[in-house]
PDB file of N, CA and C in Angstrom:
ATOM      1  N   MET A   1      10.554 -52.550  -2.022  1.00  0.00           N
ATOM      2  CA  MET A   1      10.294 -52.286  -3.422  1.00  0.00           C
ATOM      3  C   MET A   1      11.499 -52.735  -4.248  1.00  0.00           C
ATOM      4  N   SER A   2      11.303 -53.768  -5.029  1.00  0.00           N
ATOM      5  CA  SER A   2      12.371 -54.214  -5.913  1.00  0.00           C
ATOM      6  C   SER A   2      12.149 -53.597  -7.280  1.00  0.00           C
ATOM      7  N   ALA A   3      13.150 -53.722  -8.111  1.00  0.00           N
ATOM      8  CA  ALA A   3      12.996 -53.072  -9.414  1.00  0.00           C
ATOM      9  C   ALA A   3      13.831 -53.753 -10.480  1.00  0.00           C
ATOM     10  N   GLU A   4      13.331 -53.745 -11.698  1.00  0.00           N
ATOM     11  CA  GLU A   4      14.087 -54.084 -12.888  1.00  0.00           C
ATOM     12  C   GLU A   4      14.388 -52.754 -13.547  1.00  0.00           C
ATOM     13  N   PRO A   5      15.243 -52.727 -14.554  1.00  0.00           N
ATOM     14  CA  PRO A   5      15.640 -51.443 -15.139  1.00  0.00           C
ATOM     15  C   PRO A   5      14.493 -50.512 -15.519  1.00  0.00           C
ATOM     16  N   ASN A   6      13.398 -51.018 -16.105  1.00  0.00           N
ATOM     17  CA  ASN A   6      12.314 -50.141 -16.537  1.00  0.00           C
ATOM     18  C   ASN A   6      11.008 -50.405 -15.806  1.00  0.00           C
ATOM     19  N   PHE A   7      11.077 -51.058 -14.656  1.00  0.00           N
ATOM     20  CA  PHE A   7       9.900 -51.325 -13.843  1.00  0.00           C
ATOM     21  C   PHE A   7      10.217 -51.017 -12.392  1.00  0.00           C
ATOM     22  N   LEU A   8       9.175 -50.697 -11.653  1.00  0.00           N
ATOM     23  CA  LEU A   8       9.329 -50.458 -10.223  1.00  0.00           C
ATOM     24  C   LEU A   8       8.176 -51.159  -9.527  1.00  0.00           C
ATOM     25  N   ASP A   9       8.482 -52.001  -8.550  1.00  0.00           N
ATOM     26  CA  ASP A   9       7.451 -52.648  -7.757  1.00  0.00           C
ATOM     27  C   ASP A   9       7.120 -51.722  -6.599  1.00  0.00           C
ATOM     28  N   VAL A  10       5.842 -51.382  -6.470  1.00  0.00           N
ATOM     29  CA  VAL A  10       5.407 -50.472  -5.418  1.00  0.00           C
ATOM     30  C   VAL A  10       4.294 -51.130  -4.626  1.00  0.00           C
ATOM     31  N   LYS A  11       4.035 -50.599  -3.444  1.00  0.00           N
ATOM     32  CA  LYS A  11       2.980 -51.138  -2.604  1.00  0.00           C
ATOM     33  C   LYS A  11       2.074 -49.980  -2.188  1.00  0.00           C
ATOM     34  N   ILE A  12       0.778 -50.151  -2.463  1.00  0.00           N
ATOM     35  CA  ILE A  12      -0.225 -49.162  -2.079  1.00  0.00           C
ATOM     36  C   ILE A  12      -1.301 -49.902  -1.303  1.00  0.00           C
ATOM     37  N   MET A  13      -1.538 -49.476  -0.095  1.00  0.00           N
ATOM     38  CA  MET A  13      -2.514 -50.098   0.806  1.00  0.00           C
ATOM     39  C   MET A  13      -2.321 -51.614   0.896  1.00  0.00           C
ATOM     40  N   GLY A  14      -1.060 -52.014   0.990  1.00  0.00           N
ATOM     41  CA  GLY A  14      -0.752 -53.416   1.182  1.00  0.00           C
ATOM     42  C   GLY A  14      -0.757 -54.270  -0.070  1.00  0.00           C
ATOM     43  N   ARG A  15      -1.127 -53.695  -1.209  1.00  0.00           N
ATOM     44  CA  ARG A  15      -1.145 -54.447  -2.464  1.00  0.00           C
ATOM     45  C   ARG A  15       0.053 -54.028  -3.309  1.00  0.00           C
ATOM     46  N   GLU A  16       0.682 -55.012  -3.924  1.00  0.00           N
ATOM     47  CA  GLU A  16       1.856 -54.732  -4.744  1.00  0.00           C
ATOM     48  C   GLU A  16       1.469 -54.545  -6.201  1.00  0.00           C
ATOM     49  N   TYR A  17       2.139 -53.596  -6.831  1.00  0.00           N
ATOM     50  CA  TYR A  17       1.927 -53.294  -8.238  1.00  0.00           C
ATOM     51  C   TYR A  17       3.286 -53.128  -8.899  1.00  0.00           C
ATOM     52  N   ARG A  18       3.397 -53.609 -10.108  1.00  0.00           N
ATOM     53  CA  ARG A  18       4.606 -53.400 -10.909  1.00  0.00           C
ATOM     54  C   ARG A  18       4.261 -52.330 -11.928  1.00  0.00           C
ATOM     55  N   VAL A  19       5.041 -51.257 -11.920  1.00  0.00           N
ATOM     56  CA  VAL A  19       4.760 -50.111 -12.776  1.00  0.00           C
ATOM     57  C   VAL A  19       5.953 -49.862 -13.686  1.00  0.00           C
ATOM     58  N   ALA A  20       5.669 -49.664 -14.969  1.00  0.00           N
ATOM     59  CA  ALA A  20       6.730 -49.301 -15.907  1.00  0.00           C
ATOM     60  C   ALA A  20       7.223 -47.913 -15.525  1.00  0.00           C
ATOM     61  N   CYS A  21       8.528 -47.766 -15.446  1.00  0.00           N
ATOM     62  CA  CYS A  21       9.084 -46.494 -14.978  1.00  0.00           C
ATOM     63  C   CYS A  21      10.530 -46.363 -15.452  1.00  0.00           C
ATOM     64  N   GLN A  22      10.825 -45.254 -16.090  1.00  0.00           N
ATOM     65  CA  GLN A  22      12.199 -44.986 -16.499  1.00  0.00           C
ATOM     66  C   GLN A  22      13.026 -44.658 -15.246  1.00  0.00           C
ATOM     67  N   PRO A  23      14.302 -45.024 -15.231  1.00  0.00           N
ATOM     68  CA  PRO A  23      15.132 -44.771 -14.054  1.00  0.00           C
ATOM     69  C   PRO A  23      15.111 -43.314 -13.570  1.00  0.00           C
ATOM     70  N   GLU A  24      15.073 -42.373 -14.513  1.00  0.00           N
ATOM     71  CA  GLU A  24      15.088 -40.963 -14.104  1.00  0.00           C
ATOM     72  C   GLU A  24      13.756 -40.504 -13.499  1.00  0.00           C
ATOM     73  N   GLU A  25      12.708 -41.325 -13.594  1.00  0.00           N
ATOM     74  CA  GLU A  25      11.395 -40.960 -13.043  1.00  0.00           C
ATOM     75  C   GLU A  25      11.083 -41.686 -11.734  1.00  0.00           C
ATOM     76  N   ARG A  26      11.993 -42.513 -11.261  1.00  0.00           N
ATOM     77  CA  ARG A  26      11.738 -43.318 -10.060  1.00  0.00           C
ATOM     78  C   ARG A  26      11.441 -42.493  -8.824  1.00  0.00           C
ATOM     79  N   ALA A  27      12.218 -41.474  -8.580  1.00  0.00           N
ATOM     80  CA  ALA A  27      12.007 -40.662  -7.376  1.00  0.00           C
ATOM     81  C   ALA A  27      10.630 -40.011  -7.404  1.00  0.00           C
ATOM     82  N   ALA A  28      10.236 -39.498  -8.555  1.00  0.00           N
ATOM     83  CA  ALA A  28       8.920 -38.869  -8.675  1.00  0.00           C
ATOM     84  C   ALA A  28       7.813 -39.898  -8.493  1.00  0.00           C
ATOM     85  N   LEU A  29       7.983 -41.085  -9.066  1.00  0.00           N
ATOM     86  CA  LEU A  29       6.975 -42.125  -8.917  1.00  0.00           C
ATOM     87  C   LEU A  29       6.868 -42.572  -7.460  1.00  0.00           C
ATOM     88  N   GLN A  30       7.999 -42.721  -6.796  1.00  0.00           N
ATOM     89  CA  GLN A  30       7.968 -43.129  -5.387  1.00  0.00           C
ATOM     90  C   GLN A  30       7.286 -42.064  -4.533  1.00  0.00           C
ATOM     91  N   ALA A  31       7.504 -40.795  -4.843  1.00  0.00           N
ATOM     92  CA  ALA A  31       6.819 -39.722  -4.128  1.00  0.00           C
ATOM     93  C   ALA A  31       5.313 -39.791  -4.388  1.00  0.00           C
ATOM     94  N   ALA A  32       4.931 -40.078  -5.635  1.00  0.00           N
ATOM     95  CA  ALA A  32       3.509 -40.203  -5.978  1.00  0.00           C
ATOM     96  C   ALA A  32       2.882 -41.395  -5.251  1.00  0.00           C
ATOM     97  N   VAL A  33       3.596 -42.505  -5.195  1.00  0.00           N
ATOM     98  CA  VAL A  33       3.107 -43.696  -4.492  1.00  0.00           C
ATOM     99  C   VAL A  33       2.891 -43.380  -3.018  1.00  0.00           C
ATOM    100  N   GLU A  34       3.836 -42.690  -2.416  1.00  0.00           N
ATOM    101  CA  GLU A  34       3.701 -42.334  -0.995  1.00  0.00           C
ATOM    102  C   GLU A  34       2.493 -41.425  -0.777  1.00  0.00           C
ATOM    103  N   LEU A  35       2.323 -40.453  -1.648  1.00  0.00           N
ATOM    104  CA  LEU A  35       1.179 -39.540  -1.544  1.00  0.00           C
ATOM    105  C   LEU A  35      -0.136 -40.304  -1.676  1.00  0.00           C
ATOM    106  N   VAL A  36      -0.245 -41.156  -2.688  1.00  0.00           N
ATOM    107  CA  VAL A  36      -1.477 -41.915  -2.919  1.00  0.00           C
ATOM    108  C   VAL A  36      -1.728 -42.892  -1.773  1.00  0.00           C
ATOM    109  N   ASP A  37      -0.703 -43.600  -1.340  1.00  0.00           N
ATOM    110  CA  ASP A  37      -0.855 -44.556  -0.245  1.00  0.00           C
ATOM    111  C   ASP A  37      -1.331 -43.849   1.025  1.00  0.00           C
ATOM    112  N   ASN A  38      -0.704 -42.733   1.353  1.00  0.00           N
ATOM    113  CA  ASN A  38      -1.104 -41.988   2.557  1.00  0.00           C
ATOM    114  C   ASN A  38      -2.538 -41.491   2.451  1.00  0.00           C
ATOM    115  N   LYS A  39      -2.904 -40.954   1.287  1.00  0.00           N
ATOM    116  CA  LYS A  39      -4.253 -40.431   1.099  1.00  0.00           C
ATOM    117  C   LYS A  39      -5.282 -41.552   1.166  1.00  0.00           C
ATOM    118  N   MET A  40      -4.980 -42.687   0.546  1.00  0.00           N
ATOM    119  CA  MET A  40      -5.918 -43.806   0.573  1.00  0.00           C
ATOM    120  C   MET A  40      -6.088 -44.353   1.988  1.00  0.00           C
ATOM    121  N   ARG A  41      -5.001 -44.448   2.731  1.00  0.00           N
ATOM    122  CA  ARG A  41      -5.099 -44.937   4.117  1.00  0.00           C
ATOM    123  C   ARG A  41      -5.905 -43.967   4.979  1.00  0.00           C
ATOM    124  N   GLU A  42      -5.683 -42.680   4.765  1.00  0.00           N
ATOM    125  CA  GLU A  42      -6.431 -41.658   5.505  1.00  0.00           C
ATOM    126  C   GLU A  42      -7.933 -41.779   5.216  1.00  0.00           C
ATOM    127  N   ILE A  43      -8.280 -41.919   3.957  1.00  0.00           N
ATOM    128  CA  ILE A  43      -9.696 -42.021   3.568  1.00  0.00           C
ATOM    129  C   ILE A  43     -10.296 -43.331   4.064  1.00  0.00           C
ATOM    130  N   ALA A  44      -9.574 -44.427   3.931  1.00  0.00           N
ATOM    131  CA  ALA A  44     -10.080 -45.719   4.391  1.00  0.00           C
ATOM    132  C   ALA A  44     -10.353 -45.685   5.890  1.00  0.00           C
ATOM    133  N   GLN A  45      -9.466 -45.051   6.635  1.00  0.00           N
ATOM    134  CA  GLN A  45      -9.650 -44.968   8.085  1.00  0.00           C
ATOM    135  C   GLN A  45     -10.822 -44.060   8.434  1.00  0.00           C
ATOM    136  N   ARG A  46     -10.911 -42.930   7.739  1.00  0.00           N
ATOM    137  CA  ARG A  46     -11.972 -41.954   8.020  1.00  0.00           C
ATOM    138  C   ARG A  46     -13.346 -42.495   7.644  1.00  0.00           C
ATOM    139  N   THR A  47     -13.430 -43.204   6.522  1.00  0.00           N
ATOM    140  CA  THR A  47     -14.733 -43.690   6.044  1.00  0.00           C
ATOM    141  C   THR A  47     -15.035 -45.112   6.484  1.00  0.00           C
ATOM    142  N   LYS A  48     -14.051 -45.777   7.060  1.00  0.00           N
ATOM    143  CA  LYS A  48     -14.184 -47.182   7.471  1.00  0.00           C
ATOM    144  C   LYS A  48     -14.499 -48.085   6.280  1.00  0.00           C
ATOM    145  N   SER A  49     -14.094 -47.664   5.093  1.00  0.00           N
ATOM    146  CA  SER A  49     -14.339 -48.435   3.883  1.00  0.00           C
ATOM    147  C   SER A  49     -13.157 -49.345   3.597  1.00  0.00           C
ATOM    148  N   THR A  50     -13.463 -50.567   3.180  1.00  0.00           N
ATOM    149  CA  THR A  50     -12.406 -51.508   2.805  1.00  0.00           C
ATOM    150  C   THR A  50     -12.458 -51.813   1.307  1.00  0.00           C
ATOM    151  N   ILE A  51     -13.328 -51.146   0.589  1.00  0.00           N
ATOM    152  CA  ILE A  51     -13.438 -51.355  -0.853  1.00  0.00           C
ATOM    153  C   ILE A  51     -12.358 -50.512  -1.530  1.00  0.00           C
ATOM    154  N   ALA A  52     -11.318 -51.186  -2.005  1.00  0.00           N
ATOM    155  CA  ALA A  52     -10.140 -50.494  -2.543  1.00  0.00           C
ATOM    156  C   ALA A  52     -10.488 -49.546  -3.680  1.00  0.00           C
ATOM    157  N   GLU A  53     -11.368 -49.969  -4.581  1.00  0.00           N
ATOM    158  CA  GLU A  53     -11.718 -49.118  -5.722  1.00  0.00           C
ATOM    159  C   GLU A  53     -12.373 -47.817  -5.249  1.00  0.00           C
ATOM    160  N   ARG A  54     -13.284 -47.910  -4.297  1.00  0.00           N
ATOM    161  CA  ARG A  54     -13.960 -46.714  -3.768  1.00  0.00           C
ATOM    162  C   ARG A  54     -12.941 -45.791  -3.086  1.00  0.00           C
ATOM    163  N   VAL A  55     -12.062 -46.365  -2.286  1.00  0.00           N
ATOM    164  CA  VAL A  55     -11.041 -45.573  -1.593  1.00  0.00           C
ATOM    165  C   VAL A  55     -10.117 -44.913  -2.607  1.00  0.00           C
ATOM    166  N   ALA A  56      -9.753 -45.633  -3.672  1.00  0.00           N
ATOM    167  CA  ALA A  56      -8.862 -45.076  -4.695  1.00  0.00           C
ATOM    168  C   ALA A  56      -9.509 -43.899  -5.413  1.00  0.00           C
ATOM    169  N   VAL A  57     -10.783 -44.031  -5.754  1.00  0.00           N
ATOM    170  CA  VAL A  57     -11.481 -42.932  -6.437  1.00  0.00           C
ATOM    171  C   VAL A  57     -11.578 -41.723  -5.513  1.00  0.00           C
ATOM    172  N   MET A  58     -11.911 -41.946  -4.264  1.00  0.00           N
ATOM    173  CA  MET A  58     -12.015 -40.831  -3.319  1.00  0.00           C
ATOM    174  C   MET A  58     -10.647 -40.169  -3.116  1.00  0.00           C
ATOM    175  N   ALA A  59      -9.597 -40.957  -3.051  1.00  0.00           N
ATOM    176  CA  ALA A  59      -8.249 -40.399  -2.910  1.00  0.00           C
ATOM    177  C   ALA A  59      -7.890 -39.574  -4.138  1.00  0.00           C
ATOM    178  N   ALA A  60      -8.197 -40.096  -5.326  1.00  0.00           N
ATOM    179  CA  ALA A  60      -7.901 -39.360  -6.562  1.00  0.00           C
ATOM    180  C   ALA A  60      -8.638 -38.031  -6.589  1.00  0.00           C
ATOM    181  N   LEU A  61      -9.897 -38.047  -6.212  1.00  0.00           N
ATOM    182  CA  LEU A  61     -10.670 -36.804  -6.182  1.00  0.00           C
ATOM    183  C   LEU A  61     -10.107 -35.818  -5.163  1.00  0.00           C
ATOM    184  N   ASN A  62      -9.725 -36.310  -3.993  1.00  0.00           N
ATOM    185  CA  ASN A  62      -9.144 -35.436  -2.976  1.00  0.00           C
ATOM    186  C   ASN A  62      -7.829 -34.834  -3.440  1.00  0.00           C
ATOM    187  N   ILE A  63      -6.975 -35.642  -4.029  1.00  0.00           N
ATOM    188  CA  ILE A  63      -5.678 -35.154  -4.510  1.00  0.00           C
ATOM    189  C   ILE A  63      -5.887 -34.131  -5.619  1.00  0.00           C
ATOM    190  N   ALA A  64      -6.794 -34.425  -6.548  1.00  0.00           N
ATOM    191  CA  ALA A  64      -7.075 -33.479  -7.632  1.00  0.00           C
ATOM    192  C   ALA A  64      -7.635 -32.175  -7.086  1.00  0.00           C
ATOM    193  N   HIS A  65      -8.540 -32.258  -6.127  1.00  0.00           N
ATOM    194  CA  HIS A  65      -9.120 -31.054  -5.542  1.00  0.00           C
ATOM    195  C   HIS A  65      -8.040 -30.219  -4.850  1.00  0.00           C
ATOM    196  N   GLU A  66      -7.184 -30.867  -4.078  1.00  0.00           N
ATOM    197  CA  GLU A  66      -6.099 -30.146  -3.405  1.00  0.00           C
ATOM    198  C   GLU A  66      -5.183 -29.482  -4.420  1.00  0.00           C
ATOM    199  N   ARG A  67      -4.887 -30.194  -5.494  1.00  0.00           N
ATOM    200  CA  ARG A  67      -4.002 -29.663  -6.533  1.00  0.00           C
ATOM    201  C   ARG A  67      -4.628 -28.457  -7.231  1.00  0.00           C
ATOM    202  N   LEU A  68      -5.901 -28.571  -7.571  1.00  0.00           N
ATOM    203  CA  LEU A  68      -6.581 -27.493  -8.284  1.00  0.00           C
ATOM    204  C   LEU A  68      -6.876 -26.304  -7.384  1.00  0.00           C
ATOM    205  N   ALA A  69      -7.024 -26.533  -6.088  1.00  0.00           N
ATOM    206  CA  ALA A  69      -7.327 -25.450  -5.167  1.00  0.00           C
ATOM    207  C   ALA A  69      -6.074 -24.687  -4.725  1.00  0.00           C
ATOM    208  N   ALA A  70      -4.893 -25.254  -4.962  1.00  0.00           N
ATOM    209  CA  ALA A  70      -3.641 -24.598  -4.558  1.00  0.00           C
ATOM    210  C   ALA A  70      -3.432 -23.339  -5.393  1.00  0.00           C
ATOM    211  N   PRO A  71      -3.027 -22.247  -4.754  1.00  0.00           N
ATOM    212  CA  PRO A  71      -2.790 -21.011  -5.518  1.00  0.00           C
ATOM    213  C   PRO A  71      -1.588 -21.171  -6.450  1.00  0.00           C
ATOM    214  N   ALA A  72      -1.724 -20.614  -7.641  1.00  0.00           N
ATOM    215  CA  ALA A  72      -0.647 -20.673  -8.630  1.00  0.00           C
ATOM    216  C   ALA A  72       0.330 -19.533  -8.390  1.00  0.00           C
ATOM    217  N   SER A  73       1.632 -19.816  -8.531  1.00  0.00           N
ATOM    218  CA  SER A  73       2.622 -18.758  -8.341  1.00  0.00           C
ATOM    219  C   SER A  73       2.550 -17.754  -9.487  1.00  0.00           C
ATOM    220  N   THR A  74       2.559 -18.242 -10.699  1.00  0.00           N
ATOM    221  CA  THR A  74       2.331 -17.378 -11.867  1.00  0.00           C
ATOM    222  C   THR A  74       1.565 -18.185 -12.893  1.00  0.00           C
ATOM    223  N   ALA A  75       0.801 -17.519 -13.703  1.00  0.00           N
ATOM    224  CA  ALA A  75      -0.025 -18.214 -14.686  1.00  0.00           C
ATOM    225  C   ALA A  75       0.812 -19.007 -15.683  1.00  0.00           C
ATOM    226  N   SER A  76       1.901 -18.429 -16.178  1.00  0.00           N
ATOM    227  CA  SER A  76       2.705 -19.133 -17.191  1.00  0.00           C
ATOM    228  C   SER A  76       3.420 -20.334 -16.586  1.00  0.00           C
ATOM    229  N   GLU A  77       3.965 -20.199 -15.392  1.00  0.00           N
ATOM    230  CA  GLU A  77       4.614 -21.336 -14.740  1.00  0.00           C
ATOM    231  C   GLU A  77       3.609 -22.434 -14.480  1.00  0.00           C
ATOM    232  N   GLU A  78       2.403 -22.048 -14.064  1.00  0.00           N
ATOM    233  CA  GLU A  78       1.369 -23.024 -13.762  1.00  0.00           C
ATOM    234  C   GLU A  78       0.945 -23.767 -15.020  1.00  0.00           C
ATOM    235  N   THR A  79       0.835 -23.077 -16.134  1.00  0.00           N
ATOM    236  CA  THR A  79       0.433 -23.719 -17.378  1.00  0.00           C
ATOM    237  C   THR A  79       1.476 -24.734 -17.817  1.00  0.00           C
ATOM    238  N   VAL A  80       2.737 -24.367 -17.766  1.00  0.00           N
ATOM    239  CA  VAL A  80       3.812 -25.286 -18.152  1.00  0.00           C
ATOM    240  C   VAL A  80       3.826 -26.476 -17.209  1.00  0.00           C
ATOM    241  N   ALA A  81       3.765 -26.208 -15.904  1.00  0.00           N
ATOM    242  CA  ALA A  81       3.783 -27.291 -14.929  1.00  0.00           C
ATOM    243  C   ALA A  81       2.544 -28.161 -15.094  1.00  0.00           C
ATOM    244  N   SER A  82       1.414 -27.550 -15.358  1.00  0.00           N
ATOM    245  CA  SER A  82       0.173 -28.291 -15.504  1.00  0.00           C
ATOM    246  C   SER A  82       0.222 -29.192 -16.728  1.00  0.00           C
ATOM    247  N   ASP A  83       0.710 -28.695 -17.849  1.00  0.00           N
ATOM    248  CA  ASP A  83       0.811 -29.505 -19.055  1.00  0.00           C
ATOM    249  C   ASP A  83       1.747 -30.695 -18.841  1.00  0.00           C
ATOM    250  N   GLU A  84       2.882 -30.439 -18.234  1.00  0.00           N
ATOM    251  CA  GLU A  84       3.839 -31.511 -17.959  1.00  0.00           C
ATOM    252  C   GLU A  84       3.249 -32.502 -16.960  1.00  0.00           C
ATOM    253  N   THR A  85       2.591 -31.995 -15.949  1.00  0.00           N
ATOM    254  CA  THR A  85       1.972 -32.859 -14.946  1.00  0.00           C
ATOM    255  C   THR A  85       0.898 -33.724 -15.581  1.00  0.00           C
ATOM    256  N   LYS A  86       0.058 -33.120 -16.414  1.00  0.00           N
ATOM    257  CA  LYS A  86      -0.989 -33.890 -17.085  1.00  0.00           C
ATOM    258  C   LYS A  86      -0.392 -34.985 -17.952  1.00  0.00           C
ATOM    259  N   ARG A  87       0.678 -34.670 -18.667  1.00  0.00           N
ATOM    260  CA  ARG A  87       1.327 -35.659 -19.514  1.00  0.00           C
ATOM    261  C   ARG A  87       1.861 -36.813 -18.676  1.00  0.00           C
ATOM    262  N   ARG A  88       2.537 -36.468 -17.582  1.00  0.00           N
ATOM    263  CA  ARG A  88       3.133 -37.508 -16.737  1.00  0.00           C
ATOM    264  C   ARG A  88       2.055 -38.355 -16.060  1.00  0.00           C
ATOM    265  N   ILE A  89       0.984 -37.722 -15.610  1.00  0.00           N
ATOM    266  CA  ILE A  89      -0.106 -38.467 -14.992  1.00  0.00           C
ATOM    267  C   ILE A  89      -0.749 -39.389 -16.018  1.00  0.00           C
ATOM    268  N   GLY A  90      -0.938 -38.880 -17.234  1.00  0.00           N
ATOM    269  CA  GLY A  90      -1.489 -39.710 -18.298  1.00  0.00           C
ATOM    270  C   GLY A  90      -0.610 -40.915 -18.587  1.00  0.00           C
ATOM    271  N   ASP A  91       0.701 -40.685 -18.652  1.00  0.00           N
ATOM    272  CA  ASP A  91       1.650 -41.783 -18.892  1.00  0.00           C
ATOM    273  C   ASP A  91       1.586 -42.815 -17.768  1.00  0.00           C
ATOM    274  N   MET A  92       1.580 -42.323 -16.524  1.00  0.00           N
ATOM    275  CA  MET A  92       1.522 -43.243 -15.382  1.00  0.00           C
ATOM    276  C   MET A  92       0.192 -43.991 -15.356  1.00  0.00           C
ATOM    277  N   GLY A  93      -0.889 -43.290 -15.687  1.00  0.00           N
ATOM    278  CA  GLY A  93      -2.201 -43.938 -15.727  1.00  0.00           C
ATOM    279  C   GLY A  93      -2.237 -45.059 -16.746  1.00  0.00           C
ATOM    280  N   ALA A  94      -1.670 -44.804 -17.923  1.00  0.00           N
ATOM    281  CA  ALA A  94      -1.624 -45.831 -18.960  1.00  0.00           C
ATOM    282  C   ALA A  94      -0.787 -47.016 -18.502  1.00  0.00           C
ATOM    283  N   ARG A  95       0.315 -46.740 -17.852  1.00  0.00           N
ATOM    284  CA  ARG A  95       1.168 -47.820 -17.351  1.00  0.00           C
ATOM    285  C   ARG A  95       0.437 -48.633 -16.292  1.00  0.00           C
ATOM    286  N   LEU A  96      -0.250 -47.933 -15.370  1.00  0.00           N
ATOM    287  CA  LEU A  96      -1.002 -48.628 -14.330  1.00  0.00           C
ATOM    288  C   LEU A  96      -2.122 -49.470 -14.934  1.00  0.00           C
ATOM    289  N   ASP A  97      -2.835 -48.928 -15.916  1.00  0.00           N
ATOM    290  CA  ASP A  97      -3.898 -49.684 -16.581  1.00  0.00           C
ATOM    291  C   ASP A  97      -3.346 -50.968 -17.181  1.00  0.00           C
ATOM    292  N   ALA A  98      -2.198 -50.874 -17.834  1.00  0.00           N
ATOM    293  CA  ALA A  98      -1.592 -52.044 -18.462  1.00  0.00           C
ATOM    294  C   ALA A  98      -1.210 -53.088 -17.420  1.00  0.00           C
ATOM    295  N   VAL A  99      -0.734 -52.635 -16.282  1.00  0.00           N
ATOM    296  CA  VAL A  99      -0.315 -53.558 -15.232  1.00  0.00           C
ATOM    297  C   VAL A  99      -1.515 -54.126 -14.488  1.00  0.00           C
ATOM    298  N   LEU A 100      -2.540 -53.301 -14.252  1.00  0.00           N
ATOM    299  CA  LEU A 100      -3.681 -53.729 -13.457  1.00  0.00           C
ATOM    300  C   LEU A 100      -4.672 -54.609 -14.218  1.00  0.00           C
ATOM    301  N   ALA A 101      -4.711 -54.516 -15.529  1.00  0.00           N
ATOM    302  CA  ALA A 101      -5.681 -55.284 -16.305  1.00  0.00           C
ATOM    303  C   ALA A 101      -5.620 -56.785 -15.992  1.00  0.00           C
ATOM    304  N   PRO A 102      -4.453 -57.411 -16.031  1.00  0.00           N
ATOM    305  CA  PRO A 102      -4.410 -58.846 -15.695  1.00  0.00           C
ATOM    306  C   PRO A 102      -4.764 -59.105 -14.229  1.00  0.00           C
ATOM    307  N   GLN A 103      -4.421 -58.188 -13.360  1.00  0.00           N
ATOM    308  CA  GLN A 103      -4.689 -58.364 -11.931  1.00  0.00           C
ATOM    309  C   GLN A 103      -6.185 -58.249 -11.646  1.00  0.00           C
ATOM    310  N   GLN A 104      -6.882 -57.374 -12.378  1.00  0.00           N
ATOM    311  CA  GLN A 104      -8.329 -57.233 -12.179  1.00  0.00           C
ATOM    312  C   GLN A 104      -9.049 -58.509 -12.571  1.00  0.00           C
ATOM    313  N   GLN A 105      -8.556 -59.212 -13.577  1.00  0.00           N
ATOM    314  CA  GLN A 105      -9.154 -60.473 -13.967  1.00  0.00           C
ATOM    315  C   GLN A 105      -9.004 -61.505 -12.846  1.00  0.00           C
ATOM    316  N   LEU A 106      -7.902 -61.450 -12.119  1.00  0.00           N
ATOM    317  CA  LEU A 106      -7.685 -62.367 -11.006  1.00  0.00           C
ATOM    318  C   LEU A 106      -8.604 -62.061  -9.838  1.00  0.00           C
ATOM    319  N   ASP A 107      -8.942 -60.771  -9.639  1.00  0.00           N
ATOM    320  CA  ASP A 107      -9.800 -60.355  -8.535  1.00  0.00           C
ATOM    321  C   ASP A 107     -11.241 -60.795  -8.725  1.00  0.00           C
ATOM    322  N   LEU A 108     -11.634 -61.055  -9.978  1.00  0.00           N
ATOM    323  CA  LEU A 108     -13.009 -61.475 -10.251  1.00  0.00           C
ATOM    324  C   LEU A 108     -13.205 -62.843  -9.745  1.00  0.00           C
TER     325      LEU A 108
END
């Protein structure tokens, strides 16, 4: 994984993606990449599916289900963490959309 100051090149299921990322968020993004990559590989192996989009959606649903099913330590901590998590996921999603849009045109 190489990087420029505000970008991080990551690999998920053998495909490389360049993601906008502030230096202070790199460790969290790398942890997220590892989680998503592991979940997608697990699902691809279990379902024998090679369709990346299908595997990605199933991985996202599994991760969301695991996250929502986890017991909360306290309601107030969970709300703060949830709001921050939602914001960060939204930011990362927007960054991924911006990066993937040109790549999706190439896949057609």
